[in-house]
Amino acid sequence: MKFFFLFLSVLNMLDAFFTYIGLRYNLILESNPLMNTLWMVSPFLFLFLKILLSLLLIFFFFFFTAKNRKSWCIILSIPVCLYFVTLILHISWVIALISF
């Protein structure tokens, strides 16, 4: 179960990297309204929040204990799936851009 926290942290950092590149070079649009607002305010703020979230997830990886592990596994599997789909989208964009 703790693996989900670490995996989410890695997926979040990959998402931050690909999103930063895509937004920086006007290749993509940010579809998350909160993250889009942060990007418009400051790309630094955008990256800071993404890194902070990853660090928080790593903290949970090391220090989280739960009595109801099955529920937590189900709850954490939802963002893992969403981030995984997002990562696949990012990879497909990179492949499409490289093939031009």
C-alpha atoms as a PDB file:
ATOM      1  CA  MET A   1       0.000   0.000   0.000  1.00  0.00           C
ATOM      2  CA  LYS A   2       2.822   2.402   0.812  1.00  0.00           C
ATOM      3  CA  PHE A   3       4.125   1.782  -2.700  1.00  0.00           C
ATOM      4  CA  PHE A   4       1.188   3.838  -4.027  1.00  0.00           C
ATOM      5  CA  PHE A   5       2.549   6.951  -2.311  1.00  0.00           C
ATOM      6  CA  LEU A   6       5.965   6.527  -3.896  1.00  0.00           C
ATOM      7  CA  PHE A   7       4.501   5.668  -7.293  1.00  0.00           C
ATOM      8  CA  LEU A   8       2.208   8.703  -7.151  1.00  0.00           C
ATOM      9  CA  SER A   9       5.169  10.899  -6.295  1.00  0.00           C
ATOM     10  CA  VAL A  10       7.091   9.675  -9.346  1.00  0.00           C
ATOM     11  CA  LEU A  11       4.054  10.049 -11.621  1.00  0.00           C
ATOM     12  CA  ASN A  12       3.475  13.559 -10.273  1.00  0.00           C
ATOM     13  CA  MET A  13       7.061  14.577 -10.993  1.00  0.00           C
ATOM     14  CA  LEU A  14       6.892  13.144 -14.513  1.00  0.00           C
ATOM     15  CA  ASP A  15       3.634  15.009 -15.044  1.00  0.00           C
ATOM     16  CA  ALA A  16       5.266  18.223 -13.791  1.00  0.00           C
ATOM     17  CA  PHE A  17       8.213  17.776 -16.155  1.00  0.00           C
ATOM     18  CA  PHE A  18       6.167  17.005 -19.263  1.00  0.00           C
ATOM     19  CA  THR A  19       3.564  19.659 -18.473  1.00  0.00           C
ATOM     20  CA  TYR A  20       6.256  22.287 -17.908  1.00  0.00           C
ATOM     21  CA  ILE A  21       7.897  21.488 -21.253  1.00  0.00           C
ATOM     22  CA  GLY A  22       4.561  21.430 -23.065  1.00  0.00           C
ATOM     23  CA  LEU A  23       3.367  24.706 -21.550  1.00  0.00           C
ATOM     24  CA  ARG A  24       6.734  26.431 -21.831  1.00  0.00           C
ATOM     25  CA  TYR A  25       6.901  25.807 -25.573  1.00  0.00           C
ATOM     26  CA  ASN A  26       3.153  26.294 -26.180  1.00  0.00           C
ATOM     27  CA  LEU A  27       2.698  22.680 -27.249  1.00  0.00           C
ATOM     28  CA  ILE A  28      -0.175  21.881 -24.881  1.00  0.00           C
ATOM     29  CA  LEU A  29      -2.803  23.580 -22.735  1.00  0.00           C
ATOM     30  CA  GLU A  30      -3.228  22.849 -19.043  1.00  0.00           C
ATOM     31  CA  SER A  31      -6.708  21.387 -18.554  1.00  0.00           C
ATOM     32  CA  ASN A  32      -6.679  21.552 -14.747  1.00  0.00           C
ATOM     33  CA  PRO A  33      -8.097  25.019 -13.893  1.00  0.00           C
ATOM     34  CA  LEU A  34      -6.159  25.296 -10.624  1.00  0.00           C
ATOM     35  CA  MET A  35      -2.830  24.361 -12.186  1.00  0.00           C
ATOM     36  CA  ASN A  36      -3.544  26.579 -15.189  1.00  0.00           C
ATOM     37  CA  THR A  37      -4.104  29.532 -12.848  1.00  0.00           C
ATOM     38  CA  LEU A  38      -0.867  28.768 -11.017  1.00  0.00           C
ATOM     39  CA  TRP A  39       0.964  28.586 -14.350  1.00  0.00           C
ATOM     40  CA  MET A  40      -0.467  31.938 -15.419  1.00  0.00           C
ATOM     41  CA  VAL A  41       0.612  33.502 -12.135  1.00  0.00           C
ATOM     42  CA  SER A  42       4.089  31.973 -12.248  1.00  0.00           C
ATOM     43  CA  PRO A  43       5.644  28.847 -13.763  1.00  0.00           C
ATOM     44  CA  PHE A  44       7.855  28.772 -10.665  1.00  0.00           C
ATOM     45  CA  LEU A  45       4.763  28.586  -8.445  1.00  0.00           C
ATOM     46  CA  PHE A  46       3.387  25.794 -10.635  1.00  0.00           C
ATOM     47  CA  LEU A  47       6.589  23.741 -10.290  1.00  0.00           C
ATOM     48  CA  PHE A  48       6.927  24.557  -6.591  1.00  0.00           C
ATOM     49  CA  LEU A  49       3.464  23.169  -5.851  1.00  0.00           C
ATOM     50  CA  LYS A  50       4.091  20.024  -7.911  1.00  0.00           C
ATOM     51  CA  ILE A  51       7.419  19.399  -6.149  1.00  0.00           C
ATOM     52  CA  LEU A  52       5.827  20.087  -2.762  1.00  0.00           C
ATOM     53  CA  LEU A  53       3.099  17.544  -3.496  1.00  0.00           C
ATOM     54  CA  SER A  54       5.696  14.945  -4.483  1.00  0.00           C
ATOM     55  CA  LEU A  55       7.655  15.572  -1.284  1.00  0.00           C
ATOM     56  CA  LEU A  56       4.466  15.199   0.745  1.00  0.00           C
ATOM     57  CA  LEU A  57       3.756  11.877  -0.949  1.00  0.00           C
ATOM     58  CA  ILE A  58       7.301  10.701  -0.182  1.00  0.00           C
ATOM     59  CA  PHE A  59       6.761  11.730   3.442  1.00  0.00           C
ATOM     60  CA  PHE A  60       3.625   9.581   3.542  1.00  0.00           C
ATOM     61  CA  PHE A  61       5.569   6.727   1.974  1.00  0.00           C
ATOM     62  CA  PHE A  62       7.954   6.684   4.930  1.00  0.00           C
ATOM     63  CA  PHE A  63       5.627   7.580   7.796  1.00  0.00           C
ATOM     64  CA  PHE A  64       2.090   6.507   6.877  1.00  0.00           C
ATOM     65  CA  THR A  65       0.391   3.769   8.861  1.00  0.00           C
ATOM     66  CA  ALA A  66      -3.246   2.861   8.482  1.00  0.00           C
ATOM     67  CA  LYS A  67      -5.542   0.357  10.068  1.00  0.00           C
ATOM     68  CA  ASN A  68      -7.810   0.178   7.037  1.00  0.00           C
ATOM     69  CA  ARG A  69      -5.239  -0.630   4.352  1.00  0.00           C
ATOM     70  CA  LYS A  70      -7.713  -2.055   1.842  1.00  0.00           C
ATOM     71  CA  SER A  71      -9.698   1.196   1.757  1.00  0.00           C
ATOM     72  CA  TRP A  72      -6.522   3.216   1.321  1.00  0.00           C
ATOM     73  CA  CYS A  73      -5.418   0.999  -1.555  1.00  0.00           C
ATOM     74  CA  ILE A  74      -8.717   1.582  -3.313  1.00  0.00           C
ATOM     75  CA  ILE A  75      -8.615   5.328  -2.640  1.00  0.00           C
ATOM     76  CA  LEU A  76      -5.015   5.689  -3.841  1.00  0.00           C
ATOM     77  CA  SER A  77      -5.544   3.565  -6.933  1.00  0.00           C
ATOM     78  CA  ILE A  78      -7.806   6.270  -8.405  1.00  0.00           C
ATOM     79  CA  PRO A  79      -5.117   9.009  -8.659  1.00  0.00           C
ATOM     80  CA  VAL A  80      -2.559   6.401  -9.735  1.00  0.00           C
ATOM     81  CA  CYS A  81      -4.795   5.461 -12.672  1.00  0.00           C
ATOM     82  CA  LEU A  82      -5.477   9.109 -13.543  1.00  0.00           C
ATOM     83  CA  TYR A  83      -1.798  10.049 -13.439  1.00  0.00           C
ATOM     84  CA  PHE A  84      -0.916   6.956 -15.468  1.00  0.00           C
ATOM     85  CA  VAL A  85      -3.387   7.921 -18.198  1.00  0.00           C
ATOM     86  CA  THR A  86      -2.002  11.462 -18.105  1.00  0.00           C
ATOM     87  CA  LEU A  87       1.531  10.121 -18.479  1.00  0.00           C
ATOM     88  CA  ILE A  88       0.451   8.080 -21.514  1.00  0.00           C
ATOM     89  CA  LEU A  89      -1.017  11.259 -23.042  1.00  0.00           C
ATOM     90  CA  HIS A  90       2.248  13.108 -22.412  1.00  0.00           C
ATOM     91  CA  ILE A  91       4.273  10.327 -24.022  1.00  0.00           C
ATOM     92  CA  SER A  92       1.974  10.286 -27.057  1.00  0.00           C
ATOM     93  CA  TRP A  93       2.408  14.082 -27.431  1.00  0.00           C
ATOM     94  CA  VAL A  94       6.184  13.736 -27.284  1.00  0.00           C
ATOM     95  CA  ILE A  95       6.130  10.958 -29.888  1.00  0.00           C
ATOM     96  CA  ALA A  96       3.847  13.035 -32.126  1.00  0.00           C
ATOM     97  CA  LEU A  97       6.141  16.060 -31.838  1.00  0.00           C
ATOM     98  CA  ILE A  98       9.279  14.045 -32.517  1.00  0.00           C
ATOM     99  CA  SER A  99       7.758  12.446 -35.612  1.00  0.00           C
ATOM    100  CA  PHE A 100       7.194  15.839 -37.289  1.00  0.00           C
END
